[in-house]
Every structure is written in structure tokens, then in C-alpha cells.
Amino acid sequence: MNEQRAERVILVSLMKSGTHLLQELMVALGYGMYGQARIPPEMKPVFGADERRRIAQMVYDQDALASLESASEAGFTEATDQAWEALAWSWQIRFGMPLKTWYGMELASRELASRELIDRTLRRTVGSNFAQTPPGVCWVFNEFDIKKVDGHFLHEWADTGQPRIIFNYRDPRDMLLSMVNFLAGRTGRGFSNFDDFHVFSGILQSKPGLNEQLTYALTDRSFPAVGDLERMLWLLHHPNVCKVSFEELVGPPGGGTAEARQNALTRILAFLGVTQTPPDLADRLFNREAFSFYRGQIGGWREDFSAQHRKLAEARFGEALSLYGYT
């Protein structure tokens, strides 16, 4: 689409900050999506045979690579799919993602052979650059804790400015309200595969109503998404990170403005080096069919927070509200 377009992108989009808006954008720009968010099959990366061989060379030993030469088309596809999954999971580990907490000790109940392949891949690629991962992929994460991210990656990024990193955030009061509605089952589509979500969902569903659910969420510092804005503050300040908010990107369907949305899009496109876009790009972003979509509105907390909730939110988010420009 664009010769100068960034080949690799990392999207750090805080939980319940409108990740689907950025996913729709990146797919419209021609990227395949990989990461923590619920990603439908049509959004995932599609690799050609040459790229699949290159991925396999990073993952498999010589004997396994030799067997690929005589494999059937189906066997080749299956083996290289497994190689991509192992490579991608190894990078999640290098990025410090709490995989055992989210998915369990065996990484989402994967068979032992798959887990061994991930471990071998991590050992083989531990000193590799992110630039060796497949081009055309946007990796999406809900957090990117600098204290946990692999130092080799940080050095590569600081030296080259690649991959391009986009940071998406939202008013923490709306993030918390959205998370409560999500985990309480109001979205009607379940609440993801993260194991700790089952725990918090059980707690919320034991409460008699939204008022009590919000009180709990605002007072339990372990509640999902609480504290994320503070830990990701380095992204907000780094000059080589493109910052964007839900309030900017959601546009008129979510209570925002077309002007703010267009300004945000212009900033992102310039950051990615994109010069050609679909004519209806802005209209593609707001997707009511997104997995965890509920209302998708700016300032919903104002309707649902009691006076007590507002005081609790000010005490809990006061510094973050100021730092991120929310009042």
C-alpha cells in the first residue's frame, strides 16, 4: 500500500480503552493483528510460503527443516503455523507478559509438545532483534511494563526507533466502568480467556447491582485495569511514541467529534508513514460488533457514578487524571 509504511507496529492499548478502534484502523491500513485482544480470524496475519520458511528457520532445527522440504502442502502449513505461534509466544514472554496468570501454567492448556516448542524457540531467539519478526504485523498488548520488557528489545528500539509504538488510553473512570460492565456479563459475549477475569467476574456477579460493583472495583487495587495508567506513564512521555486517546478516536458515534477523530488519524498516519488510505477510513473505526463492545461512549461514568463513587475515583485516580489531562 505504501512503500514507506512502518513494517512492524506495537499497539499498547489499555484494557477497556477502545482497542477495537485501533484494530479496525490497523486492519484497514493492511496490517495483520496479533496479541492479547480478541482477534477474529479475518484480522490475523497471512503469510506467504517464503515468509513461512523464514519463520520456520528461526524456530526449527536442521532435521525439522529438512522434513519440511518433503512435507505436503497441508503438513507445511500446519508446521509453519506452529512455528509462528511459538515465535509469537516467545516474544510475549520477552515482553514480560504475565502469561501464567492469564492462561495458566501450561499456556492455555497447550499440549506439552507445543510448550516445549515455545521454550526451544525462546532459547534460539533470545538475542534476536524484533526486526526479524514478520513484517506487516501489528502486535497489540494491554500493557507494556518497562520493568519487565526484554532489555535487548529496548536497546534495539532506542537505537532504531523501530518498531513504531502507539499508545492508546482513556479516562480511567470510563475504563473502570467499562471493565465492570464487561466482567459483570453485560456485554453478552462472555469475558475473555484470561483466568483472573473469572475470579473478578464471580466477585462482581455476587454484588446486588452496579452501585455495589463500582464501589468494590474502586476500592480493590488488584481490580483489572486499575493502576495501568500510572505504570504506562513512560509511554505517554516518550517522544518516539504516538499517543492517542479513546476520546479522540471514537468520533461522533461515541460522543466525540469528527474533527478530533480526523486530527488523531492524521497524527497516526504520519507516524506510521502511511500516505494512501481508504476513502472511508474514519467511518470504519466504530464497530458495534467488537467482542467486548457495550456502549462505547465518552463520559459514561458521569451517569453511573454516585457522589461516593466520584470521591473514590478522585482518591484512586487523582494523579492520573491530572497527568493524562482528564478533570
Protein backbone atom coordinates (compact mmCIF):
# COMPACT_ATOMS: atom_id res chain seq x y z
CA MET A 1 0.00 0.00 0.00
CA ASN A 2 2.74 2.46 0.99
CA GLU A 3 6.44 1.96 0.37
CA GLN A 4 7.37 4.00 3.46
CA ARG A 5 4.81 2.43 5.75
CA ALA A 6 6.22 1.11 9.04
CA GLU A 7 6.78 -2.62 8.68
CA ARG A 8 6.17 -3.51 12.32
CA VAL A 9 3.94 -1.82 14.87
CA ILE A 10 3.30 -2.37 18.56
CA LEU A 11 -0.03 -1.07 19.81
CA VAL A 12 -0.26 -0.66 23.58
CA SER A 13 -3.94 -0.13 24.26
CA LEU A 14 -5.03 -0.18 27.88
CA MET A 15 -7.84 -2.52 28.85
CA LYS A 16 -11.24 -1.05 28.00
CA SER A 17 -9.77 1.97 26.23
CA GLY A 18 -11.30 1.24 22.84
CA THR A 19 -8.77 -1.23 21.44
CA HIS A 20 -11.23 -2.19 18.70
CA LEU A 21 -10.95 1.33 17.24
CA LEU A 22 -7.23 0.88 16.65
CA GLN A 23 -7.65 -2.70 15.44
CA GLU A 24 -10.11 -1.59 12.78
CA LEU A 25 -7.70 1.16 11.76
CA MET A 26 -4.66 -1.07 11.51
CA VAL A 27 -6.50 -3.72 9.51
CA ALA A 28 -7.79 -1.04 7.13
CA LEU A 29 -4.17 0.02 6.66
CA GLY A 30 -3.20 -3.51 5.66
CA TYR A 31 -1.70 -4.89 8.88
CA GLY A 32 -2.43 -8.31 10.35
CA MET A 33 -3.19 -8.29 14.07
CA TYR A 34 -1.59 -10.42 16.75
CA GLY A 35 -1.68 -10.16 20.54
CA GLN A 36 -3.80 -10.11 23.67
CA ALA A 37 -7.02 -8.70 22.31
CA ARG A 38 -9.75 -11.00 20.97
CA ILE A 39 -8.79 -11.03 17.29
CA PRO A 40 -11.15 -12.57 14.72
CA PRO A 41 -9.57 -14.83 12.07
CA GLU A 42 -10.00 -12.30 9.27
CA MET A 43 -7.78 -9.82 11.16
CA LYS A 44 -4.87 -12.19 11.73
CA PRO A 45 -1.65 -12.08 9.66
CA VAL A 46 -1.50 -14.02 6.41
CA PHE A 47 1.97 -15.26 5.42
CA GLY A 48 3.20 -16.46 2.05
CA ALA A 49 5.34 -19.55 1.58
CA ASP A 50 8.66 -17.66 1.65
CA GLU A 51 7.81 -15.88 4.90
CA ARG A 52 6.64 -19.15 6.42
CA ARG A 53 10.01 -20.73 5.57
CA ARG A 54 11.82 -17.81 7.19
CA ILE A 55 9.76 -18.18 10.35
CA ALA A 56 10.47 -21.91 10.39
CA GLN A 57 14.21 -21.25 10.12
CA MET A 58 14.07 -19.20 13.32
CA VAL A 59 12.21 -21.91 15.21
CA TYR A 60 13.15 -25.39 13.98
CA ASP A 61 16.41 -27.31 13.96
CA GLN A 62 18.01 -28.66 10.76
CA ASP A 63 16.26 -32.04 10.92
CA ALA A 64 12.83 -30.43 11.24
CA LEU A 65 13.61 -28.00 8.43
CA ALA A 66 14.70 -30.85 6.19
CA SER A 67 11.42 -32.66 6.79
CA LEU A 68 9.52 -29.56 5.68
CA GLU A 69 11.04 -29.87 2.22
CA SER A 70 9.17 -33.10 1.59
CA ALA A 71 6.01 -32.23 3.54
CA SER A 72 2.62 -31.99 1.89
CA GLU A 73 1.06 -28.56 1.49
CA ALA A 74 -1.17 -29.22 4.50
CA GLY A 75 1.76 -30.51 6.55
CA PHE A 76 3.88 -27.49 5.61
CA THR A 77 1.08 -25.12 6.59
CA GLU A 78 0.49 -26.86 9.91
CA ALA A 79 4.19 -26.93 10.82
CA THR A 80 4.74 -23.29 9.91
CA ASP A 81 1.57 -22.24 11.76
CA GLN A 82 3.05 -23.89 14.86
CA ALA A 83 6.37 -22.14 14.22
CA TRP A 84 4.67 -18.73 14.04
CA GLU A 85 2.72 -19.40 17.22
CA ALA A 86 5.89 -20.45 19.05
CA LEU A 87 7.79 -17.40 17.82
CA ALA A 88 4.95 -15.05 18.75
CA TRP A 89 4.56 -16.55 22.22
CA SER A 90 8.30 -16.35 22.80
CA TRP A 91 8.12 -12.62 22.10
CA GLN A 92 5.24 -12.24 24.53
CA ILE A 93 7.48 -13.82 27.13
CA ARG A 94 10.31 -11.43 26.22
CA PHE A 95 7.88 -8.54 26.61
CA GLY A 96 7.16 -9.66 30.17
CA MET A 97 3.52 -10.55 29.71
CA PRO A 98 2.05 -12.38 32.76
CA LEU A 99 1.07 -15.39 30.68
CA LYS A 100 0.88 -17.84 33.58
CA THR A 101 -1.57 -15.61 35.43
CA TRP A 102 -3.72 -15.07 32.37
CA TYR A 103 -3.64 -18.53 30.83
CA GLY A 104 -2.33 -21.00 33.42
CA MET A 105 0.98 -22.82 33.81
CA GLU A 106 0.67 -24.68 30.52
CA LEU A 107 -0.14 -21.58 28.48
CA ALA A 108 -3.81 -22.01 27.75
CA SER A 109 -3.69 -25.80 28.22
CA ARG A 110 -1.38 -26.30 25.27
CA GLU A 111 -0.06 -29.79 24.76
CA LEU A 112 3.36 -30.41 26.26
CA ALA A 113 4.93 -30.66 22.80
CA SER A 114 3.73 -27.15 21.98
CA ARG A 115 5.05 -25.79 25.24
CA GLU A 116 8.42 -27.42 24.58
CA LEU A 117 8.50 -25.80 21.13
CA ILE A 118 7.85 -22.40 22.71
CA ASP A 119 10.65 -22.97 25.22
CA ARG A 120 13.08 -24.06 22.48
CA THR A 121 12.12 -21.09 20.34
CA LEU A 122 12.76 -18.72 23.23
CA ARG A 123 16.23 -20.20 23.73
CA ARG A 124 17.02 -19.99 20.00
CA THR A 125 15.79 -16.40 19.55
CA VAL A 126 16.52 -14.80 22.93
CA GLY A 127 19.16 -12.49 21.46
CA SER A 128 17.36 -11.78 18.18
CA ASN A 129 16.03 -8.41 17.09
CA PHE A 130 12.36 -7.63 16.77
CA ALA A 131 13.17 -6.59 13.20
CA GLN A 132 13.48 -10.32 12.42
CA THR A 133 9.80 -10.91 13.12
CA PRO A 134 7.46 -10.98 10.10
CA PRO A 135 6.67 -7.59 8.53
CA GLY A 136 3.14 -6.33 8.19
CA VAL A 137 2.09 -7.32 11.71
CA CYS A 138 0.64 -5.06 14.37
CA TRP A 139 1.19 -6.55 17.83
CA VAL A 140 -1.47 -5.42 20.31
CA PHE A 141 -0.92 -5.50 24.07
CA ASN A 142 -2.87 -4.17 27.04
CA GLU A 143 0.30 -3.28 28.91
CA PHE A 144 3.98 -2.75 28.25
CA ASP A 145 5.74 -2.52 31.60
CA ILE A 146 9.24 -1.17 31.02
CA LYS A 147 10.48 -3.00 34.12
CA LYS A 148 9.56 -6.33 32.51
CA VAL A 149 10.31 -5.80 28.82
CA ASP A 150 13.39 -7.55 27.43
CA GLY A 151 16.41 -5.24 27.59
CA HIS A 152 17.66 -6.28 24.15
CA PHE A 153 14.39 -5.08 22.63
CA LEU A 154 14.56 -1.76 24.49
CA HIS A 155 18.09 -1.21 23.20
CA GLU A 156 17.04 -2.01 19.63
CA TRP A 157 14.03 0.32 19.83
CA ALA A 158 16.04 3.16 21.39
CA ASP A 159 18.70 2.87 18.67
CA THR A 160 16.48 2.47 15.62
CA GLY A 161 13.08 3.90 16.51
CA GLN A 162 11.59 0.63 15.24
CA PRO A 163 9.09 -0.87 15.69
CA ARG A 164 6.71 2.04 15.79
CA ILE A 165 4.82 2.13 19.11
CA ILE A 166 1.32 3.57 19.51
CA PHE A 167 -0.10 4.17 22.99
CA ASN A 168 -3.88 4.35 23.40
CA TYR A 169 -5.58 5.36 26.64
CA ARG A 170 -8.91 6.58 28.05
CA ASP A 171 -10.38 8.38 31.04
CA PRO A 172 -9.74 5.87 33.86
CA ARG A 173 -13.25 6.35 35.24
CA ASP A 174 -14.74 5.20 31.94
CA MET A 175 -12.17 2.40 31.72
CA LEU A 176 -13.22 1.12 35.13
CA LEU A 177 -16.94 1.41 34.37
CA SER A 178 -16.43 -0.45 31.10
CA MET A 179 -14.45 -3.18 32.85
CA VAL A 180 -17.17 -3.60 35.47
CA ASN A 181 -19.85 -3.93 32.80
CA PHE A 182 -17.64 -6.35 30.87
CA LEU A 183 -16.83 -8.64 33.79
CA ALA A 184 -20.37 -8.48 35.15
CA GLY A 185 -21.55 -10.02 31.88
CA ARG A 186 -23.41 -7.06 30.43
CA THR A 187 -21.71 -7.36 27.03
CA GLY A 188 -23.42 -10.70 26.49
CA ARG A 189 -20.46 -12.44 24.84
CA GLY A 190 -18.53 -13.82 27.78
CA PHE A 191 -15.49 -12.12 29.23
CA SER A 192 -12.33 -13.45 27.58
CA ASN A 193 -9.96 -16.31 28.34
CA PHE A 194 -7.86 -14.55 30.99
CA ASP A 195 -8.08 -16.78 34.05
CA ASP A 196 -8.07 -13.94 36.56
CA PHE A 197 -11.13 -12.46 34.86
CA HIS A 198 -13.14 -15.46 36.05
CA VAL A 199 -12.28 -14.54 39.63
CA PHE A 200 -13.31 -10.90 39.34
CA SER A 201 -16.41 -11.81 37.36
CA GLY A 202 -17.50 -14.06 40.22
CA ILE A 203 -17.00 -11.24 42.71
CA LEU A 204 -18.93 -8.71 40.64
CA GLN A 205 -21.80 -11.06 39.93
CA SER A 206 -22.17 -11.69 43.65
CA LYS A 207 -22.94 -7.99 44.19
CA PRO A 208 -26.60 -6.90 44.07
CA GLY A 209 -26.16 -4.17 41.46
CA LEU A 210 -23.97 -1.71 39.60
CA ASN A 211 -23.68 0.63 42.59
CA GLU A 212 -22.09 -2.06 44.75
CA GLN A 213 -19.99 -3.35 41.87
CA LEU A 214 -18.49 0.09 41.28
CA THR A 215 -17.77 0.57 44.97
CA TYR A 216 -15.89 -2.70 45.04
CA ALA A 217 -13.95 -2.02 41.83
CA LEU A 218 -12.90 1.43 43.07
CA THR A 219 -11.58 0.07 46.35
CA ASP A 220 -9.76 -3.10 45.26
CA ARG A 221 -6.36 -2.10 43.89
CA SER A 222 -5.97 -5.51 42.25
CA PHE A 223 -9.03 -4.95 40.05
CA PRO A 224 -8.14 -5.23 36.33
CA ALA A 225 -7.02 -2.00 34.64
CA VAL A 226 -6.60 -0.17 37.96
CA GLY A 227 -3.12 1.35 38.02
CA ASP A 228 -2.39 0.80 34.32
CA LEU A 229 -2.17 4.50 33.50
CA GLU A 230 0.47 5.06 36.17
CA ARG A 231 2.60 2.10 35.02
CA MET A 232 2.40 3.16 31.37
CA LEU A 233 3.29 6.79 32.07
CA TRP A 234 6.66 6.33 30.36
CA LEU A 235 4.82 5.77 27.08
CA LEU A 236 2.91 9.00 27.50
CA HIS A 237 6.13 10.97 27.84
CA HIS A 238 8.42 9.26 25.33
CA PRO A 239 8.94 11.35 22.17
CA ASN A 240 9.13 8.26 19.95
CA VAL A 241 5.67 7.02 20.93
CA CYS A 242 2.48 8.13 19.18
CA LYS A 243 -0.12 8.95 21.82
CA VAL A 244 -3.85 8.80 21.14
CA SER A 245 -6.95 8.60 23.30
CA PHE A 246 -10.33 6.91 23.05
CA GLU A 247 -11.96 10.32 23.30
CA GLU A 248 -10.15 11.48 20.17
CA LEU A 249 -10.69 8.37 18.06
CA VAL A 250 -14.28 7.40 18.87
CA GLY A 251 -15.79 10.21 16.82
CA PRO A 252 -19.48 11.23 16.75
CA PRO A 253 -20.87 7.68 17.32
CA GLY A 254 -19.23 7.67 20.76
CA GLY A 255 -19.86 11.27 21.72
CA GLY A 256 -16.68 12.70 20.20
CA THR A 257 -16.18 14.98 17.22
CA ALA A 258 -15.27 14.29 13.60
CA GLU A 259 -12.56 16.94 13.83
CA ALA A 260 -10.82 15.34 16.80
CA ARG A 261 -11.01 11.94 15.12
CA GLN A 262 -9.51 13.26 11.90
CA ASN A 263 -6.72 15.04 13.76
CA ALA A 264 -5.87 11.81 15.60
CA LEU A 265 -5.91 9.82 12.38
CA THR A 266 -3.66 12.35 10.66
CA ARG A 267 -1.19 12.09 13.53
CA ILE A 268 -1.16 8.28 13.48
CA LEU A 269 -0.85 8.02 9.71
CA ALA A 270 2.09 10.42 9.65
CA PHE A 271 3.74 8.48 12.46
CA LEU A 272 3.39 5.22 10.51
CA GLY A 273 4.48 6.74 7.21
CA VAL A 274 1.14 5.97 5.55
CA THR A 275 0.34 8.15 2.55
CA GLN A 276 -2.58 6.27 0.95
CA THR A 277 -5.73 5.32 2.83
CA PRO A 278 -9.23 4.05 2.05
CA PRO A 279 -11.66 6.94 1.46
CA ASP A 280 -13.99 5.81 4.28
CA LEU A 281 -11.25 5.15 6.82
CA ALA A 282 -12.72 7.25 9.66
CA ASP A 283 -16.12 5.57 9.35
CA ARG A 284 -14.61 2.09 9.73
CA LEU A 285 -13.36 2.56 13.28
CA PHE A 286 -16.51 2.40 15.42
CA ASN A 287 -17.56 -1.24 15.34
CA ARG A 288 -20.54 -2.24 17.48
CA GLU A 289 -19.82 -5.89 16.69
CA ALA A 290 -16.47 -5.82 18.54
CA PHE A 291 -16.21 -8.63 21.09
CA SER A 292 -16.47 -6.60 24.30
CA PHE A 293 -18.50 -3.66 22.96
CA TYR A 294 -21.15 -2.34 25.35
CA ARG A 295 -21.90 1.36 24.93
CA GLY A 296 -18.63 2.90 23.72
CA GLN A 297 -19.41 6.42 24.90
CA ILE A 298 -17.34 9.27 26.28
CA GLY A 299 -18.16 10.20 29.88
CA GLY A 300 -20.48 7.32 30.67
CA TRP A 301 -19.17 7.38 34.22
CA ARG A 302 -20.99 10.68 34.83
CA GLU A 303 -24.33 8.87 34.57
CA ASP A 304 -23.44 5.85 36.69
CA PHE A 305 -21.11 7.18 39.40
CA SER A 306 -22.72 8.28 42.65
CA ALA A 307 -21.26 11.08 44.75
CA GLN A 308 -19.42 8.41 46.75
CA HIS A 309 -18.01 6.86 43.58
CA ARG A 310 -16.76 10.25 42.41
CA LYS A 311 -14.89 10.73 45.68
CA LEU A 312 -13.42 7.23 45.48
CA ALA A 313 -12.38 7.81 41.87
CA GLU A 314 -10.74 11.12 42.73
CA ALA A 315 -8.77 9.44 45.52
CA ARG A 316 -7.82 6.50 43.33
CA PHE A 317 -7.16 8.23 40.01
CA GLY A 318 -6.47 11.81 41.06
CA GLU A 319 -2.85 11.95 39.90
CA ALA A 320 -3.52 10.01 36.69
CA LEU A 321 -6.48 12.25 35.88
CA SER A 322 -4.19 15.26 36.01
CA LEU A 323 -1.27 13.67 34.17
CA TYR A 324 -3.40 12.45 31.28
CA GLY A 325 -5.43 15.65 31.03
CA TYR A 326 -8.76 14.48 32.49
CA THR A 327 -10.60 16.63 35.02
